[in-house]
């Protein structure tokens, strides 16, 4: 009985998730994909350079909490912030 209840809840959760995804505007999906890609590249560059979030915060004049938000994958980056990060890391985060 308990397993059946869990399976039903899981199925309902998946249906709700699918509905939310289906109803999400395309431009928001694209924005989230961009933010996630930037966060992944930022994380990769930090690891390659042996830098911590604290190091990047210091080099960009931002707080560690803000750097943590950048790495969360949902931050709405400004071009100014992207330029600061790219300059601090010595490599562009994005290309156009």
PDB file of N, CA and C in Angstrom:
ATOM      1  N   UNK A   1       0.822  -1.185   0.000  1.00  0.00           N
ATOM      2  CA  UNK A   1       0.000   0.000   0.000  1.00  0.00           C
ATOM      3  C   UNK A   1       0.874   1.260   0.000  1.00  0.00           C
ATOM      4  N   UNK A   2       1.885   1.293   0.863  1.00  0.00           N
ATOM      5  CA  UNK A   2       2.768   2.454   0.958  1.00  0.00           C
ATOM      6  C   UNK A   2       3.490   2.688  -0.367  1.00  0.00           C
ATOM      7  N   UNK A   3       3.990   1.603  -0.979  1.00  0.00           N
ATOM      8  CA  UNK A   3       4.690   1.705  -2.253  1.00  0.00           C
ATOM      9  C   UNK A   3       3.755   2.226  -3.338  1.00  0.00           C
ATOM     10  N   UNK A   4       2.538   1.776  -3.338  1.00  0.00           N
ATOM     11  CA  UNK A   4       1.547   2.229  -4.312  1.00  0.00           C
ATOM     12  C   UNK A   4       1.307   3.732  -4.158  1.00  0.00           C
ATOM     13  N   UNK A   5       1.209   4.203  -2.920  1.00  0.00           N
ATOM     14  CA  UNK A   5       1.008   5.624  -2.650  1.00  0.00           C
ATOM     15  C   UNK A   5       2.198   6.438  -3.146  1.00  0.00           C
ATOM     16  N   UNK A   6       3.413   5.938  -2.888  1.00  0.00           N
ATOM     17  CA  UNK A   6       4.618   6.630  -3.356  1.00  0.00           C
ATOM     18  C   UNK A   6       4.666   6.695  -4.877  1.00  0.00           C
ATOM     19  N   UNK A   7       4.314   5.607  -5.520  1.00  0.00           N
ATOM     20  CA  UNK A   7       4.323   5.568  -6.984  1.00  0.00           C
ATOM     21  C   UNK A   7       3.300   6.555  -7.545  1.00  0.00           C
ATOM     22  N   UNK A   8       2.137   6.635  -6.929  1.00  0.00           N
ATOM     23  CA  UNK A   8       1.103   7.560  -7.374  1.00  0.00           C
ATOM     24  C   UNK A   8       1.577   9.001  -7.206  1.00  0.00           C
ATOM     25  N   UNK A   9       2.198   9.306  -6.068  1.00  0.00           N
ATOM     26  CA  UNK A   9       2.714  10.651  -5.826  1.00  0.00           C
ATOM     27  C   UNK A   9       3.807  11.001  -6.833  1.00  0.00           C
ATOM     28  N   UNK A  10       4.661  10.023  -7.135  1.00  0.00           N
ATOM     29  CA  UNK A  10       5.735  10.246  -8.103  1.00  0.00           C
ATOM     30  C   UNK A  10       5.146  10.545  -9.481  1.00  0.00           C
ATOM     31  N   UNK A  11       4.153   9.779  -9.884  1.00  0.00           N
ATOM     32  CA  UNK A  11       3.513   9.982 -11.175  1.00  0.00           C
ATOM     33  C   UNK A  11       2.843  11.352 -11.234  1.00  0.00           C
ATOM     34  N   UNK A  12       2.152  11.729 -10.180  1.00  0.00           N
ATOM     35  CA  UNK A  12       1.497  13.037 -10.124  1.00  0.00           C
ATOM     36  C   UNK A  12       2.533  14.158 -10.170  1.00  0.00           C
ATOM     37  N   UNK A  13       3.646  13.964  -9.477  1.00  0.00           N
ATOM     38  CA  UNK A  13       4.718  14.958  -9.493  1.00  0.00           C
ATOM     39  C   UNK A  13       5.314  15.116 -10.879  1.00  0.00           C
ATOM     40  N   UNK A  14       5.507  14.018 -11.580  1.00  0.00           N
ATOM     41  CA  UNK A  14       6.044  14.082 -12.942  1.00  0.00           C
ATOM     42  C   UNK A  14       5.066  14.770 -13.883  1.00  0.00           C
ATOM     43  N   UNK A  15       3.782  14.483 -13.720  1.00  0.00           N
ATOM     44  CA  UNK A  15       2.762  15.132 -14.559  1.00  0.00           C
ATOM     45  C   UNK A  15       2.766  16.641 -14.327  1.00  0.00           C
ATOM     46  N   UNK A  16       2.831  17.040 -13.063  1.00  0.00           N
ATOM     47  CA  UNK A  16       2.856  18.463 -12.730  1.00  0.00           C
ATOM     48  C   UNK A  16       4.112  19.119 -13.296  1.00  0.00           C
ATOM     49  N   UNK A  17       5.260  18.465 -13.139  1.00  0.00           N
ATOM     50  CA  UNK A  17       6.514  18.996 -13.673  1.00  0.00           C
ATOM     51  C   UNK A  17       6.407  19.172 -15.182  1.00  0.00           C
ATOM     52  N   UNK A  18       5.917  18.169 -15.875  1.00  0.00           N
ATOM     53  CA  UNK A  18       5.770  18.214 -17.337  1.00  0.00           C
ATOM     54  C   UNK A  18       4.841  19.356 -17.744  1.00  0.00           C
ATOM     55  N   UNK A  19       3.753  19.546 -16.985  1.00  0.00           N
ATOM     56  CA  UNK A  19       2.812  20.627 -17.275  1.00  0.00           C
ATOM     57  C   UNK A  19       3.492  21.984 -17.119  1.00  0.00           C
ATOM     58  N   UNK A  20       4.261  22.138 -16.060  1.00  0.00           N
ATOM     59  CA  UNK A  20       4.973  23.403 -15.833  1.00  0.00           C
ATOM     60  C   UNK A  20       5.968  23.663 -16.952  1.00  0.00           C
ATOM     61  N   UNK A  21       6.717  22.649 -17.336  1.00  0.00           N
ATOM     62  CA  UNK A  21       7.688  22.803 -18.419  1.00  0.00           C
ATOM     63  C   UNK A  21       6.983  23.163 -19.722  1.00  0.00           C
ATOM     64  N   UNK A  22       5.892  22.480 -20.005  1.00  0.00           N
ATOM     65  CA  UNK A  22       5.156  22.745 -21.245  1.00  0.00           C
ATOM     66  C   UNK A  22       4.593  24.164 -21.288  1.00  0.00           C
ATOM     67  N   UNK A  23       4.231  24.709 -20.135  1.00  0.00           N
ATOM     68  CA  UNK A  23       3.630  26.039 -20.075  1.00  0.00           C
ATOM     69  C   UNK A  23       4.655  27.165 -19.924  1.00  0.00           C
ATOM     70  N   UNK A  24       5.911  26.816 -19.763  1.00  0.00           N
ATOM     71  CA  UNK A  24       6.958  27.830 -19.614  1.00  0.00           C
ATOM     72  C   UNK A  24       7.239  28.457 -20.974  1.00  0.00           C
ATOM     73  N   UNK A  25       7.223  29.787 -21.058  1.00  0.00           N
ATOM     74  CA  UNK A  25       7.490  30.453 -22.338  1.00  0.00           C
ATOM     75  C   UNK A  25       8.882  30.096 -22.882  1.00  0.00           C
ATOM     76  N   UNK A  26       8.959  30.010 -24.188  1.00  0.00           N
ATOM     77  CA  UNK A  26      10.209  29.619 -24.853  1.00  0.00           C
ATOM     78  C   UNK A  26      11.364  30.545 -24.490  1.00  0.00           C
ATOM     79  N   UNK A  27      11.094  31.851 -24.399  1.00  0.00           N
ATOM     80  CA  UNK A  27      12.189  32.781 -24.095  1.00  0.00           C
ATOM     81  C   UNK A  27      12.723  32.577 -22.678  1.00  0.00           C
ATOM     82  N   UNK A  28      11.867  32.169 -21.744  1.00  0.00           N
ATOM     83  CA  UNK A  28      12.334  31.879 -20.393  1.00  0.00           C
ATOM     84  C   UNK A  28      13.175  30.610 -20.378  1.00  0.00           C
ATOM     85  N   UNK A  29      12.763  29.606 -21.140  1.00  0.00           N
ATOM     86  CA  UNK A  29      13.561  28.383 -21.242  1.00  0.00           C
ATOM     87  C   UNK A  29      14.944  28.705 -21.806  1.00  0.00           C
ATOM     88  N   UNK A  30      14.980  29.572 -22.816  1.00  0.00           N
ATOM     89  CA  UNK A  30      16.267  29.960 -23.413  1.00  0.00           C
ATOM     90  C   UNK A  30      17.117  30.723 -22.413  1.00  0.00           C
ATOM     91  N   UNK A  31      16.512  31.651 -21.673  1.00  0.00           N
ATOM     92  CA  UNK A  31      17.253  32.405 -20.660  1.00  0.00           C
ATOM     93  C   UNK A  31      17.848  31.471 -19.618  1.00  0.00           C
ATOM     94  N   UNK A  32      17.072  30.521 -19.146  1.00  0.00           N
ATOM     95  CA  UNK A  32      17.566  29.574 -18.143  1.00  0.00           C
ATOM     96  C   UNK A  32      18.683  28.703 -18.702  1.00  0.00           C
ATOM     97  N   UNK A  33      18.555  28.315 -19.958  1.00  0.00           N
ATOM     98  CA  UNK A  33      19.609  27.512 -20.593  1.00  0.00           C
ATOM     99  C   UNK A  33      20.900  28.318 -20.689  1.00  0.00           C
ATOM    100  N   UNK A  34      20.789  29.589 -21.083  1.00  0.00           N
ATOM    101  CA  UNK A  34      21.967  30.454 -21.156  1.00  0.00           C
ATOM    102  C   UNK A  34      22.622  30.597 -19.783  1.00  0.00           C
ATOM    103  N   UNK A  35      21.811  30.906 -18.770  1.00  0.00           N
ATOM    104  CA  UNK A  35      22.353  31.095 -17.419  1.00  0.00           C
ATOM    105  C   UNK A  35      23.032  29.841 -16.907  1.00  0.00           C
ATOM    106  N   UNK A  36      22.415  28.698 -17.164  1.00  0.00           N
ATOM    107  CA  UNK A  36      22.998  27.434 -16.731  1.00  0.00           C
ATOM    108  C   UNK A  36      24.320  27.164 -17.449  1.00  0.00           C
ATOM    109  N   UNK A  37      24.368  27.446 -18.735  1.00  0.00           N
ATOM    110  CA  UNK A  37      25.605  27.235 -19.505  1.00  0.00           C
ATOM    111  C   UNK A  37      26.732  28.136 -19.005  1.00  0.00           C
ATOM    112  N   UNK A  38      26.394  29.383 -18.692  1.00  0.00           N
ATOM    113  CA  UNK A  38      27.402  30.304 -18.165  1.00  0.00           C
ATOM    114  C   UNK A  38      27.905  29.808 -16.816  1.00  0.00           C
ATOM    115  N   UNK A  39      26.998  29.363 -15.964  1.00  0.00           N
ATOM    116  CA  UNK A  39      27.391  28.858 -14.643  1.00  0.00           C
ATOM    117  C   UNK A  39      28.302  27.640 -14.781  1.00  0.00           C
ATOM    118  N   UNK A  40      27.988  26.749 -15.708  1.00  0.00           N
ATOM    119  CA  UNK A  40      28.829  25.561 -15.925  1.00  0.00           C
ATOM    120  C   UNK A  40      30.219  25.963 -16.395  1.00  0.00           C
ATOM    121  N   UNK A  41      30.289  26.913 -17.338  1.00  0.00           N
ATOM    122  CA  UNK A  41      31.591  27.349 -17.836  1.00  0.00           C
ATOM    123  C   UNK A  41      32.376  28.049 -16.732  1.00  0.00           C
ATOM    124  N   UNK A  42      31.704  28.867 -15.953  1.00  0.00           N
ATOM    125  CA  UNK A  42      32.359  29.561 -14.844  1.00  0.00           C
ATOM    126  C   UNK A  42      32.933  28.562 -13.846  1.00  0.00           C
ATOM    127  N   UNK A  43      32.156  27.561 -13.494  1.00  0.00           N
ATOM    128  CA  UNK A  43      32.626  26.532 -12.565  1.00  0.00           C
ATOM    129  C   UNK A  43      33.841  25.805 -13.135  1.00  0.00           C
ATOM    130  N   UNK A  44      33.786  25.471 -14.414  1.00  0.00           N
ATOM    131  CA  UNK A  44      34.899  24.784 -15.078  1.00  0.00           C
ATOM    132  C   UNK A  44      36.167  25.638 -15.055  1.00  0.00           C
ATOM    133  N   UNK A  45      36.033  26.928 -15.370  1.00  0.00           N
ATOM    134  CA  UNK A  45      37.190  27.818 -15.384  1.00  0.00           C
ATOM    135  C   UNK A  45      37.786  28.003 -13.991  1.00  0.00           C
ATOM    136  N   UNK A  46      36.931  28.126 -12.989  1.00  0.00           N
ATOM    137  CA  UNK A  46      37.439  28.238 -11.620  1.00  0.00           C
ATOM    138  C   UNK A  46      38.258  27.006 -11.250  1.00  0.00           C
ATOM    139  N   UNK A  47      37.748  25.831 -11.572  1.00  0.00           N
ATOM    140  CA  UNK A  47      38.465  24.595 -11.261  1.00  0.00           C
ATOM    141  C   UNK A  47      39.778  24.509 -12.021  1.00  0.00           C
ATOM    142  N   UNK A  48      39.754  24.863 -13.302  1.00  0.00           N
ATOM    143  CA  UNK A  48      40.966  24.814 -14.120  1.00  0.00           C
ATOM    144  C   UNK A  48      42.050  25.743 -13.573  1.00  0.00           C
ATOM    145  N   UNK A  49      41.642  26.856 -13.025  1.00  0.00           N
ATOM    146  CA  UNK A  49      42.593  27.843 -12.526  1.00  0.00           C
ATOM    147  C   UNK A  49      42.900  27.678 -11.039  1.00  0.00           C
ATOM    148  N   UNK A  50      42.269  26.707 -10.416  1.00  0.00           N
ATOM    149  CA  UNK A  50      42.486  26.477  -8.996  1.00  0.00           C
ATOM    150  C   UNK A  50      42.005  27.637  -8.145  1.00  0.00           C
ATOM    151  N   UNK A  51      40.957  28.315  -8.616  1.00  0.00           N
ATOM    152  CA  UNK A  51      40.430  29.475  -7.901  1.00  0.00           C
ATOM    153  C   UNK A  51      39.210  29.085  -7.083  1.00  0.00           C
ATOM    154  N   UNK A  52      39.042  29.757  -5.982  1.00  0.00           N
ATOM    155  CA  UNK A  52      37.851  29.551  -5.154  1.00  0.00           C
ATOM    156  C   UNK A  52      36.824  30.643  -5.472  1.00  0.00           C
ATOM    157  N   UNK A  53      35.643  30.464  -4.937  1.00  0.00           N
ATOM    158  CA  UNK A  53      34.625  31.500  -5.070  1.00  0.00           C
ATOM    159  C   UNK A  53      35.104  32.789  -4.400  1.00  0.00           C
ATOM    160  N   UNK A  54      35.802  32.622  -3.304  1.00  0.00           N
ATOM    161  CA  UNK A  54      36.350  33.784  -2.586  1.00  0.00           C
ATOM    162  C   UNK A  54      37.338  34.542  -3.468  1.00  0.00           C
ATOM    163  N   UNK A  55      38.212  33.802  -4.177  1.00  0.00           N
ATOM    164  CA  UNK A  55      39.175  34.441  -5.078  1.00  0.00           C
ATOM    165  C   UNK A  55      38.459  35.249  -6.156  1.00  0.00           C
ATOM    166  N   UNK A  56      37.439  34.643  -6.760  1.00  0.00           N
ATOM    167  CA  UNK A  56      36.715  35.337  -7.822  1.00  0.00           C
ATOM    168  C   UNK A  56      35.977  36.549  -7.264  1.00  0.00           C
ATOM    169  N   UNK A  57      35.397  36.418  -6.102  1.00  0.00           N
ATOM    170  CA  UNK A  57      34.711  37.548  -5.476  1.00  0.00           C
ATOM    171  C   UNK A  57      35.683  38.714  -5.279  1.00  0.00           C
ATOM    172  N   UNK A  58      36.856  38.409  -4.777  1.00  0.00           N
ATOM    173  CA  UNK A  58      37.867  39.443  -4.541  1.00  0.00           C
ATOM    174  C   UNK A  58      38.298  40.097  -5.856  1.00  0.00           C
ATOM    175  N   UNK A  59      38.501  39.286  -6.887  1.00  0.00           N
ATOM    176  CA  UNK A  59      38.976  39.799  -8.176  1.00  0.00           C
ATOM    177  C   UNK A  59      37.918  40.579  -8.946  1.00  0.00           C
ATOM    178  N   UNK A  60      36.659  40.401  -8.608  1.00  0.00           N
ATOM    179  CA  UNK A  60      35.586  41.110  -9.316  1.00  0.00           C
ATOM    180  C   UNK A  60      34.940  42.200  -8.466  1.00  0.00           C
ATOM    181  N   UNK A  61      35.352  42.299  -7.197  1.00  0.00           N
ATOM    182  CA  UNK A  61      34.760  43.292  -6.320  1.00  0.00           C
ATOM    183  C   UNK A  61      33.341  42.944  -5.895  1.00  0.00           C
ATOM    184  N   UNK A  62      33.019  41.655  -5.930  1.00  0.00           N
ATOM    185  CA  UNK A  62      31.691  41.177  -5.546  1.00  0.00           C
ATOM    186  C   UNK A  62      31.796  40.368  -4.263  1.00  0.00           C
ATOM    187  N   UNK A  63      30.658  39.989  -3.710  1.00  0.00           N
ATOM    188  CA  UNK A  63      30.657  39.174  -2.496  1.00  0.00           C
ATOM    189  C   UNK A  63      30.689  37.694  -2.858  1.00  0.00           C
ATOM    190  N   UNK A  64      31.119  36.890  -1.903  1.00  0.00           N
ATOM    191  CA  UNK A  64      31.099  35.440  -2.115  1.00  0.00           C
ATOM    192  C   UNK A  64      29.671  34.948  -2.343  1.00  0.00           C
ATOM    193  N   UNK A  65      28.714  35.565  -1.673  1.00  0.00           N
ATOM    194  CA  UNK A  65      27.309  35.172  -1.850  1.00  0.00           C
ATOM    195  C   UNK A  65      26.862  35.407  -3.286  1.00  0.00           C
ATOM    196  N   UNK A  66      27.313  36.510  -3.878  1.00  0.00           N
ATOM    197  CA  UNK A  66      26.936  36.783  -5.266  1.00  0.00           C
ATOM    198  C   UNK A  66      27.581  35.774  -6.214  1.00  0.00           C
ATOM    199  N   UNK A  67      28.839  35.457  -5.979  1.00  0.00           N
ATOM    200  CA  UNK A  67      29.505  34.445  -6.804  1.00  0.00           C
ATOM    201  C   UNK A  67      28.777  33.111  -6.679  1.00  0.00           C
ATOM    202  N   UNK A  68      28.349  32.789  -5.489  1.00  0.00           N
ATOM    203  CA  UNK A  68      27.585  31.556  -5.279  1.00  0.00           C
ATOM    204  C   UNK A  68      26.303  31.571  -6.101  1.00  0.00           C
ATOM    205  N   UNK A  69      25.630  32.705  -6.154  1.00  0.00           N
ATOM    206  CA  UNK A  69      24.413  32.820  -6.971  1.00  0.00           C
ATOM    207  C   UNK A  69      24.739  32.649  -8.451  1.00  0.00           C
ATOM    208  N   UNK A  70      25.882  33.199  -8.892  1.00  0.00           N
ATOM    209  CA  UNK A  70      26.290  33.017 -10.283  1.00  0.00           C
ATOM    210  C   UNK A  70      26.414  31.537 -10.621  1.00  0.00           C
ATOM    211  N   UNK A  71      27.003  30.801  -9.701  1.00  0.00           N
ATOM    212  CA  UNK A  71      27.236  29.373  -9.937  1.00  0.00           C
ATOM    213  C   UNK A  71      25.966  28.536  -9.793  1.00  0.00           C
ATOM    214  N   UNK A  72      24.904  29.139  -9.293  1.00  0.00           N
ATOM    215  CA  UNK A  72      23.637  28.430  -9.130  1.00  0.00           C
ATOM    216  C   UNK A  72      22.906  28.175 -10.436  1.00  0.00           C
ATOM    217  N   UNK A  73      23.262  28.906 -11.478  1.00  0.00           N
ATOM    218  CA  UNK A  73      22.689  28.641 -12.791  1.00  0.00           C
ATOM    219  C   UNK A  73      21.399  29.364 -13.106  1.00  0.00           C
ATOM    220  N   UNK A  74      20.962  30.262 -12.245  1.00  0.00           N
ATOM    221  CA  UNK A  74      19.725  30.985 -12.539  1.00  0.00           C
ATOM    222  C   UNK A  74      19.905  32.498 -12.460  1.00  0.00           C
ATOM    223  N   UNK A  75      21.143  32.953 -12.331  1.00  0.00           N
ATOM    224  CA  UNK A  75      21.414  34.388 -12.205  1.00  0.00           C
ATOM    225  C   UNK A  75      21.168  35.080 -13.544  1.00  0.00           C
ATOM    226  N   UNK A  76      20.571  36.250 -13.507  1.00  0.00           N
ATOM    227  CA  UNK A  76      20.354  37.050 -14.706  1.00  0.00           C
ATOM    228  C   UNK A  76      21.546  37.995 -14.860  1.00  0.00           C
ATOM    229  N   UNK A  77      22.565  37.537 -15.562  1.00  0.00           N
ATOM    230  CA  UNK A  77      23.813  38.285 -15.711  1.00  0.00           C
ATOM    231  C   UNK A  77      23.621  39.544 -16.537  1.00  0.00           C
ATOM    232  N   UNK A  78      24.304  40.604 -16.127  1.00  0.00           N
ATOM    233  CA  UNK A  78      24.392  41.796 -16.974  1.00  0.00           C
ATOM    234  C   UNK A  78      25.664  41.671 -17.806  1.00  0.00           C
ATOM    235  N   UNK A  79      25.738  42.433 -18.866  1.00  0.00           N
ATOM    236  CA  UNK A  79      26.955  42.423 -19.678  1.00  0.00           C
ATOM    237  C   UNK A  79      28.143  42.933 -18.874  1.00  0.00           C
ATOM    238  N   UNK A  80      27.899  43.894 -18.001  1.00  0.00           N
ATOM    239  CA  UNK A  80      28.976  44.435 -17.154  1.00  0.00           C
ATOM    240  C   UNK A  80      29.545  43.338 -16.254  1.00  0.00           C
ATOM    241  N   UNK A  81      28.659  42.545 -15.648  1.00  0.00           N
ATOM    242  CA  UNK A  81      29.109  41.462 -14.773  1.00  0.00           C
ATOM    243  C   UNK A  81      29.865  40.411 -15.566  1.00  0.00           C
ATOM    244  N   UNK A  82      29.345  40.051 -16.733  1.00  0.00           N
ATOM    245  CA  UNK A  82      30.042  39.073 -17.575  1.00  0.00           C
ATOM    246  C   UNK A  82      31.430  39.581 -17.962  1.00  0.00           C
ATOM    247  N   UNK A  83      31.535  40.870 -18.239  1.00  0.00           N
ATOM    248  CA  UNK A  83      32.837  41.450 -18.593  1.00  0.00           C
ATOM    249  C   UNK A  83      33.787  41.412 -17.399  1.00  0.00           C
ATOM    250  N   UNK A  84      33.292  41.722 -16.195  1.00  0.00           N
ATOM    251  CA  UNK A  84      34.143  41.659 -14.997  1.00  0.00           C
ATOM    252  C   UNK A  84      34.654  40.249 -14.756  1.00  0.00           C
ATOM    253  N   UNK A  85      33.760  39.275 -14.875  1.00  0.00           N
ATOM    254  CA  UNK A  85      34.141  37.879 -14.641  1.00  0.00           C
ATOM    255  C   UNK A  85      35.151  37.437 -15.689  1.00  0.00           C
ATOM    256  N   UNK A  86      34.858  37.749 -16.952  1.00  0.00           N
ATOM    257  CA  UNK A  86      35.769  37.354 -18.035  1.00  0.00           C
ATOM    258  C   UNK A  86      37.143  37.968 -17.852  1.00  0.00           C
ATOM    259  N   UNK A  87      37.196  39.225 -17.452  1.00  0.00           N
ATOM    260  CA  UNK A  87      38.471  39.904 -17.214  1.00  0.00           C
ATOM    261  C   UNK A  87      39.217  39.255 -16.061  1.00  0.00           C
ATOM    262  N   UNK A  88      38.506  38.954 -14.986  1.00  0.00           N
ATOM    263  CA  UNK A  88      39.134  38.333 -13.810  1.00  0.00           C
ATOM    264  C   UNK A  88      39.697  36.953 -14.136  1.00  0.00           C
ATOM    265  N   UNK A  89      39.029  36.227 -15.027  1.00  0.00           N
ATOM    266  CA  UNK A  89      39.471  34.865 -15.367  1.00  0.00           C
ATOM    267  C   UNK A  89      40.407  34.834 -16.567  1.00  0.00           C
ATOM    268  N   UNK A  90      40.498  35.945 -17.293  1.00  0.00           N
ATOM    269  CA  UNK A  90      41.361  35.986 -18.459  1.00  0.00           C
ATOM    270  C   UNK A  90      40.813  35.196 -19.637  1.00  0.00           C
ATOM    271  N   UNK A  91      39.513  34.990 -19.654  1.00  0.00           N
ATOM    272  CA  UNK A  91      38.872  34.249 -20.754  1.00  0.00           C
ATOM    273  C   UNK A  91      37.408  34.650 -20.829  1.00  0.00           C
ATOM    274  N   UNK A  92      36.916  34.814 -22.052  1.00  0.00           N
ATOM    275  CA  UNK A  92      35.513  35.175 -22.224  1.00  0.00           C
ATOM    276  C   UNK A  92      34.587  34.041 -21.794  1.00  0.00           C
ATOM    277  N   UNK A  93      33.542  34.416 -21.076  1.00  0.00           N
ATOM    278  CA  UNK A  93      32.534  33.426 -20.693  1.00  0.00           C
ATOM    279  C   UNK A  93      31.563  33.167 -21.823  1.00  0.00           C
ATOM    280  N   UNK A  94      31.354  34.161 -22.667  1.00  0.00           N
ATOM    281  CA  UNK A  94      30.444  34.016 -23.793  1.00  0.00           C
ATOM    282  C   UNK A  94      31.129  34.502 -25.055  1.00  0.00           C
ATOM    283  N   UNK A  95      30.630  34.041 -26.180  1.00  0.00           N
ATOM    284  CA  UNK A  95      31.074  34.548 -27.473  1.00  0.00           C
ATOM    285  C   UNK A  95      29.826  34.837 -28.305  1.00  0.00           C
ATOM    286  N   UNK A  96      29.941  35.850 -29.136  1.00  0.00           N
ATOM    287  CA  UNK A  96      28.829  36.212 -29.999  1.00  0.00           C
ATOM    288  C   UNK A  96      29.292  36.255 -31.425  1.00  0.00           C
TER     289      UNK A  96
END
